[in-house]
Amino acid sequence: MGSREINEIVVTDIRMSFSSMVVFMVKWAIATIPALIILTVVGSVLLGILRIFFGGFHPGMRF
């Protein structure tokens, strides 16, 4: 079998205008909103499962 060559690339500079960088960062900020919603739902489900296993449901239990 032949050997694989590994090519390493180091990025030292990115040429980007200020306005396109602002647009990119605004899109990035807007994209975080659905991600946070998904993470909140997943975290709530996991905490609910942990509460069932370790806390149990007791009559009159307040959250």
PDB file of N, CA and C in Angstrom:
ATOM      1  N   MET A   1       0.835  -1.176   0.000  1.00  0.00           N
ATOM      2  CA  MET A   1       0.000   0.000   0.000  1.00  0.00           C
ATOM      3  C   MET A   1       0.883   1.243   0.000  1.00  0.00           C
ATOM      4  N   GLY A   2       0.397   2.267  -0.661  1.00  0.00           N
ATOM      5  CA  GLY A   2       1.153   3.511  -0.728  1.00  0.00           C
ATOM      6  C   GLY A   2       0.979   4.335   0.531  1.00  0.00           C
ATOM      7  N   SER A   3       1.946   5.182   0.770  1.00  0.00           N
ATOM      8  CA  SER A   3       1.849   6.037   1.953  1.00  0.00           C
ATOM      9  C   SER A   3       1.027   7.278   1.624  1.00  0.00           C
ATOM     10  N   ARG A   4       0.334   7.765   2.622  1.00  0.00           N
ATOM     11  CA  ARG A   4      -0.477   8.967   2.453  1.00  0.00           C
ATOM     12  C   ARG A   4       0.352  10.187   2.811  1.00  0.00           C
ATOM     13  N   GLU A   5       0.252  11.198   1.973  1.00  0.00           N
ATOM     14  CA  GLU A   5       0.940  12.444   2.274  1.00  0.00           C
ATOM     15  C   GLU A   5       0.000  13.354   3.049  1.00  0.00           C
ATOM     16  N   ILE A   6       0.525  13.977   4.070  1.00  0.00           N
ATOM     17  CA  ILE A   6      -0.264  14.909   4.864  1.00  0.00           C
ATOM     18  C   ILE A   6       0.201  16.320   4.530  1.00  0.00           C
ATOM     19  N   ASN A   7      -0.727  17.108   4.023  1.00  0.00           N
ATOM     20  CA  ASN A   7      -0.415  18.503   3.701  1.00  0.00           C
ATOM     21  C   ASN A   7      -1.006  19.385   4.785  1.00  0.00           C
ATOM     22  N   GLU A   8      -0.159  20.121   5.463  1.00  0.00           N
ATOM     23  CA  GLU A   8      -0.620  21.024   6.504  1.00  0.00           C
ATOM     24  C   GLU A   8      -0.697  22.433   5.948  1.00  0.00           C
ATOM     25  N   ILE A   9      -1.774  23.126   6.302  1.00  0.00           N
ATOM     26  CA  ILE A   9      -1.972  24.495   5.851  1.00  0.00           C
ATOM     27  C   ILE A   9      -2.140  25.382   7.072  1.00  0.00           C
ATOM     28  N   VAL A  10      -1.433  26.489   7.077  1.00  0.00           N
ATOM     29  CA  VAL A  10      -1.547  27.461   8.162  1.00  0.00           C
ATOM     30  C   VAL A  10      -2.081  28.758   7.564  1.00  0.00           C
ATOM     31  N   VAL A  11      -3.244  29.201   8.066  1.00  0.00           N
ATOM     32  CA  VAL A  11      -3.836  30.446   7.588  1.00  0.00           C
ATOM     33  C   VAL A  11      -3.268  31.586   8.428  1.00  0.00           C
ATOM     34  N   THR A  12      -2.662  32.549   7.757  1.00  0.00           N
ATOM     35  CA  THR A  12      -2.056  33.661   8.486  1.00  0.00           C
ATOM     36  C   THR A  12      -2.821  34.961   8.336  1.00  0.00           C
ATOM     37  N   ASP A  13      -3.663  35.074   7.301  1.00  0.00           N
ATOM     38  CA  ASP A  13      -4.392  36.319   7.099  1.00  0.00           C
ATOM     39  C   ASP A  13      -5.655  36.042   6.287  1.00  0.00           C
ATOM     40  N   ILE A  14      -6.705  36.760   6.621  1.00  0.00           N
ATOM     41  CA  ILE A  14      -7.953  36.690   5.863  1.00  0.00           C
ATOM     42  C   ILE A  14      -8.303  38.102   5.457  1.00  0.00           C
ATOM     43  N   ARG A  15      -8.428  38.319   4.174  1.00  0.00           N
ATOM     44  CA  ARG A  15      -8.794  39.651   3.684  1.00  0.00           C
ATOM     45  C   ARG A  15     -10.304  39.706   3.544  1.00  0.00           C
ATOM     46  N   MET A  16     -10.908  40.574   4.359  1.00  0.00           N
ATOM     47  CA  MET A  16     -12.356  40.689   4.376  1.00  0.00           C
ATOM     48  C   MET A  16     -12.696  42.140   4.696  1.00  0.00           C
ATOM     49  N   SER A  17     -13.595  42.713   3.918  1.00  0.00           N
ATOM     50  CA  SER A  17     -13.961  44.099   4.182  1.00  0.00           C
ATOM     51  C   SER A  17     -14.768  44.184   5.481  1.00  0.00           C
ATOM     52  N   PHE A  18     -14.776  45.355   6.062  1.00  0.00           N
ATOM     53  CA  PHE A  18     -15.453  45.541   7.340  1.00  0.00           C
ATOM     54  C   PHE A  18     -16.949  45.282   7.212  1.00  0.00           C
ATOM     55  N   SER A  19     -17.553  45.766   6.142  1.00  0.00           N
ATOM     56  CA  SER A  19     -18.998  45.604   5.981  1.00  0.00           C
ATOM     57  C   SER A  19     -19.389  44.141   5.806  1.00  0.00           C
ATOM     58  N   SER A  20     -18.614  43.366   5.055  1.00  0.00           N
ATOM     59  CA  SER A  20     -18.959  41.948   4.911  1.00  0.00           C
ATOM     60  C   SER A  20     -18.692  41.190   6.208  1.00  0.00           C
ATOM     61  N   MET A  21     -17.727  41.653   7.008  1.00  0.00           N
ATOM     62  CA  MET A  21     -17.498  41.030   8.300  1.00  0.00           C
ATOM     63  C   MET A  21     -18.669  41.314   9.249  1.00  0.00           C
ATOM     64  N   VAL A  22     -19.218  42.520   9.194  1.00  0.00           N
ATOM     65  CA  VAL A  22     -20.374  42.862  10.016  1.00  0.00           C
ATOM     66  C   VAL A  22     -21.573  42.013   9.609  1.00  0.00           C
ATOM     67  N   VAL A  23     -21.810  41.866   8.298  1.00  0.00           N
ATOM     68  CA  VAL A  23     -22.912  41.038   7.815  1.00  0.00           C
ATOM     69  C   VAL A  23     -22.733  39.601   8.268  1.00  0.00           C
ATOM     70  N   PHE A  24     -21.508  39.088   8.179  1.00  0.00           N
ATOM     71  CA  PHE A  24     -21.225  37.721   8.624  1.00  0.00           C
ATOM     72  C   PHE A  24     -21.513  37.551  10.108  1.00  0.00           C
ATOM     73  N   MET A  25     -21.116  38.518  10.930  1.00  0.00           N
ATOM     74  CA  MET A  25     -21.326  38.413  12.365  1.00  0.00           C
ATOM     75  C   MET A  25     -22.801  38.546  12.730  1.00  0.00           C
ATOM     76  N   VAL A  26     -23.555  39.345  11.994  1.00  0.00           N
ATOM     77  CA  VAL A  26     -24.991  39.453  12.247  1.00  0.00           C
ATOM     78  C   VAL A  26     -25.678  38.134  11.905  1.00  0.00           C
ATOM     79  N   LYS A  27     -25.307  37.526  10.774  1.00  0.00           N
ATOM     80  CA  LYS A  27     -25.870  36.221  10.409  1.00  0.00           C
ATOM     81  C   LYS A  27     -25.506  35.168  11.451  1.00  0.00           C
ATOM     82  N   TRP A  28     -24.288  35.235  11.955  1.00  0.00           N
ATOM     83  CA  TRP A  28     -23.831  34.296  12.967  1.00  0.00           C
ATOM     84  C   TRP A  28     -24.655  34.460  14.249  1.00  0.00           C
ATOM     85  N   ALA A  29     -24.921  35.704  14.633  1.00  0.00           N
ATOM     86  CA  ALA A  29     -25.710  35.967  15.837  1.00  0.00           C
ATOM     87  C   ALA A  29     -27.143  35.480  15.663  1.00  0.00           C
ATOM     88  N   ILE A  30     -27.723  35.685  14.483  1.00  0.00           N
ATOM     89  CA  ILE A  30     -29.084  35.217  14.229  1.00  0.00           C
ATOM     90  C   ILE A  30     -29.139  33.693  14.224  1.00  0.00           C
ATOM     91  N   ALA A  31     -28.089  33.045  13.743  1.00  0.00           N
ATOM     92  CA  ALA A  31     -28.055  31.586  13.703  1.00  0.00           C
ATOM     93  C   ALA A  31     -27.953  30.972  15.094  1.00  0.00           C
ATOM     94  N   THR A  32     -27.495  31.737  16.076  1.00  0.00           N
ATOM     95  CA  THR A  32     -27.390  31.181  17.429  1.00  0.00           C
ATOM     96  C   THR A  32     -28.749  31.040  18.102  1.00  0.00           C
ATOM     97  N   ILE A  33     -29.751  31.788  17.655  1.00  0.00           N
ATOM     98  CA  ILE A  33     -31.065  31.747  18.305  1.00  0.00           C
ATOM     99  C   ILE A  33     -31.697  30.357  18.216  1.00  0.00           C
ATOM    100  N   PRO A  34     -31.815  29.744  17.020  1.00  0.00           N
ATOM    101  CA  PRO A  34     -32.371  28.382  16.978  1.00  0.00           C
ATOM    102  C   PRO A  34     -31.496  27.369  17.713  1.00  0.00           C
ATOM    103  N   ALA A  35     -30.178  27.576  17.664  1.00  0.00           N
ATOM    104  CA  ALA A  35     -29.287  26.647  18.367  1.00  0.00           C
ATOM    105  C   ALA A  35     -29.527  26.697  19.869  1.00  0.00           C
ATOM    106  N   LEU A  36     -29.720  27.883  20.419  1.00  0.00           N
ATOM    107  CA  LEU A  36     -29.993  28.003  21.848  1.00  0.00           C
ATOM    108  C   LEU A  36     -31.343  27.397  22.215  1.00  0.00           C
ATOM    109  N   ILE A  37     -32.329  27.564  21.339  1.00  0.00           N
ATOM    110  CA  ILE A  37     -33.635  26.962  21.598  1.00  0.00           C
ATOM    111  C   ILE A  37     -33.521  25.444  21.624  1.00  0.00           C
ATOM    112  N   ILE A  38     -32.806  24.877  20.658  1.00  0.00           N
ATOM    113  CA  ILE A  38     -32.623  23.420  20.608  1.00  0.00           C
ATOM    114  C   ILE A  38     -31.876  22.930  21.839  1.00  0.00           C
ATOM    115  N   LEU A  39     -30.809  23.622  22.224  1.00  0.00           N
ATOM    116  CA  LEU A  39     -30.049  23.218  23.404  1.00  0.00           C
ATOM    117  C   LEU A  39     -30.883  23.320  24.679  1.00  0.00           C
ATOM    118  N   THR A  40     -31.752  24.322  24.766  1.00  0.00           N
ATOM    119  CA  THR A  40     -32.621  24.463  25.926  1.00  0.00           C
ATOM    120  C   THR A  40     -33.606  23.304  26.017  1.00  0.00           C
ATOM    121  N   VAL A  41     -34.193  22.929  24.877  1.00  0.00           N
ATOM    122  CA  VAL A  41     -35.142  21.815  24.864  1.00  0.00           C
ATOM    123  C   VAL A  41     -34.440  20.511  25.237  1.00  0.00           C
ATOM    124  N   VAL A  42     -33.277  20.258  24.645  1.00  0.00           N
ATOM    125  CA  VAL A  42     -32.541  19.027  24.952  1.00  0.00           C
ATOM    126  C   VAL A  42     -32.132  18.998  26.424  1.00  0.00           C
ATOM    127  N   GLY A  43     -31.660  20.123  26.940  1.00  0.00           N
ATOM    128  CA  GLY A  43     -31.279  20.181  28.351  1.00  0.00           C
ATOM    129  C   GLY A  43     -32.464  19.975  29.279  1.00  0.00           C
ATOM    130  N   SER A  44     -33.623  20.534  28.933  1.00  0.00           N
ATOM    131  CA  SER A  44     -34.818  20.342  29.761  1.00  0.00           C
ATOM    132  C   SER A  44     -35.256  18.888  29.778  1.00  0.00           C
ATOM    133  N   VAL A  45     -35.196  18.247  28.624  1.00  0.00           N
ATOM    134  CA  VAL A  45     -35.567  16.824  28.560  1.00  0.00           C
ATOM    135  C   VAL A  45     -34.606  15.991  29.398  1.00  0.00           C
ATOM    136  N   LEU A  46     -33.309  16.242  29.262  1.00  0.00           N
ATOM    137  CA  LEU A  46     -32.331  15.475  30.043  1.00  0.00           C
ATOM    138  C   LEU A  46     -32.496  15.712  31.543  1.00  0.00           C
ATOM    139  N   LEU A  47     -32.735  16.953  31.941  1.00  0.00           N
ATOM    140  CA  LEU A  47     -32.945  17.225  33.360  1.00  0.00           C
ATOM    141  C   LEU A  47     -34.234  16.586  33.863  1.00  0.00           C
ATOM    142  N   GLY A  48     -35.250  16.550  33.024  1.00  0.00           N
ATOM    143  CA  GLY A  48     -36.493  15.877  33.401  1.00  0.00           C
ATOM    144  C   GLY A  48     -36.286  14.390  33.608  1.00  0.00           C
ATOM    145  N   ILE A  49     -35.496  13.781  32.714  1.00  0.00           N
ATOM    146  CA  ILE A  49     -35.196  12.353  32.856  1.00  0.00           C
ATOM    147  C   ILE A  49     -34.397  12.101  34.138  1.00  0.00           C
ATOM    148  N   LEU A  50     -33.414  12.947  34.398  1.00  0.00           N
ATOM    149  CA  LEU A  50     -32.628  12.787  35.629  1.00  0.00           C
ATOM    150  C   LEU A  50     -33.495  12.981  36.874  1.00  0.00           C
ATOM    151  N   ARG A  51     -34.438  13.924  36.802  1.00  0.00           N
ATOM    152  CA  ARG A  51     -35.335  14.145  37.943  1.00  0.00           C
ATOM    153  C   ARG A  51     -36.204  12.918  38.181  1.00  0.00           C
ATOM    154  N   ILE A  52     -36.644  12.250  37.100  1.00  0.00           N
ATOM    155  CA  ILE A  52     -37.456  11.038  37.247  1.00  0.00           C
ATOM    156  C   ILE A  52     -36.633   9.939  37.915  1.00  0.00           C
ATOM    157  N   PHE A  53     -35.388   9.753  37.461  1.00  0.00           N
ATOM    158  CA  PHE A  53     -34.566   8.671  38.007  1.00  0.00           C
ATOM    159  C   PHE A  53     -34.104   8.946  39.432  1.00  0.00           C
ATOM    160  N   PHE A  54     -33.692  10.171  39.723  1.00  0.00           N
ATOM    161  CA  PHE A  54     -33.092  10.454  41.019  1.00  0.00           C
ATOM    162  C   PHE A  54     -34.035  11.154  41.998  1.00  0.00           C
ATOM    163  N   GLY A  55     -34.993  11.911  41.485  1.00  0.00           N
ATOM    164  CA  GLY A  55     -35.862  12.643  42.378  1.00  0.00           C
ATOM    165  C   GLY A  55     -37.206  11.978  42.579  1.00  0.00           C
ATOM    166  N   GLY A  56     -37.676  11.351  41.530  1.00  0.00           N
ATOM    167  CA  GLY A  56     -38.992  10.720  41.602  1.00  0.00           C
ATOM    168  C   GLY A  56     -40.096  11.748  41.654  1.00  0.00           C
ATOM    169  N   PHE A  57     -41.315  11.274  41.511  1.00  0.00           N
ATOM    170  CA  PHE A  57     -42.469  12.153  41.619  1.00  0.00           C
ATOM    171  C   PHE A  57     -43.172  11.816  42.928  1.00  0.00           C
ATOM    172  N   HIS A  58     -43.274  12.774  43.811  1.00  0.00           N
ATOM    173  CA  HIS A  58     -43.933  12.584  45.083  1.00  0.00           C
ATOM    174  C   HIS A  58     -45.189  13.448  45.118  1.00  0.00           C
ATOM    175  N   PRO A  59     -46.259  12.950  45.708  1.00  0.00           N
ATOM    176  CA  PRO A  59     -47.463  13.788  45.816  1.00  0.00           C
ATOM    177  C   PRO A  59     -47.173  15.018  46.656  1.00  0.00           C
ATOM    178  N   GLY A  60     -47.588  16.147  46.175  1.00  0.00           N
ATOM    179  CA  GLY A  60     -47.378  17.397  46.895  1.00  0.00           C
ATOM    180  C   GLY A  60     -45.991  17.968  46.728  1.00  0.00           C
ATOM    181  N   MET A  61     -45.185  17.408  45.847  1.00  0.00           N
ATOM    182  CA  MET A  61     -43.823  17.902  45.632  1.00  0.00           C
ATOM    183  C   MET A  61     -43.882  19.207  44.853  1.00  0.00           C
ATOM    184  N   ARG A  62     -43.202  20.206  45.350  1.00  0.00           N
ATOM    185  CA  ARG A  62     -43.164  21.504  44.660  1.00  0.00           C
ATOM    186  C   ARG A  62     -41.857  21.637  43.921  1.00  0.00           C
ATOM    187  N   PHE A  63     -41.927  22.273  42.762  1.00  0.00           N
ATOM    188  CA  PHE A  63     -40.717  22.436  41.941  1.00  0.00           C
ATOM    189  C   PHE A  63     -40.085  23.748  42.180  1.00  0.00           C
TER     190      PHE A  63
END
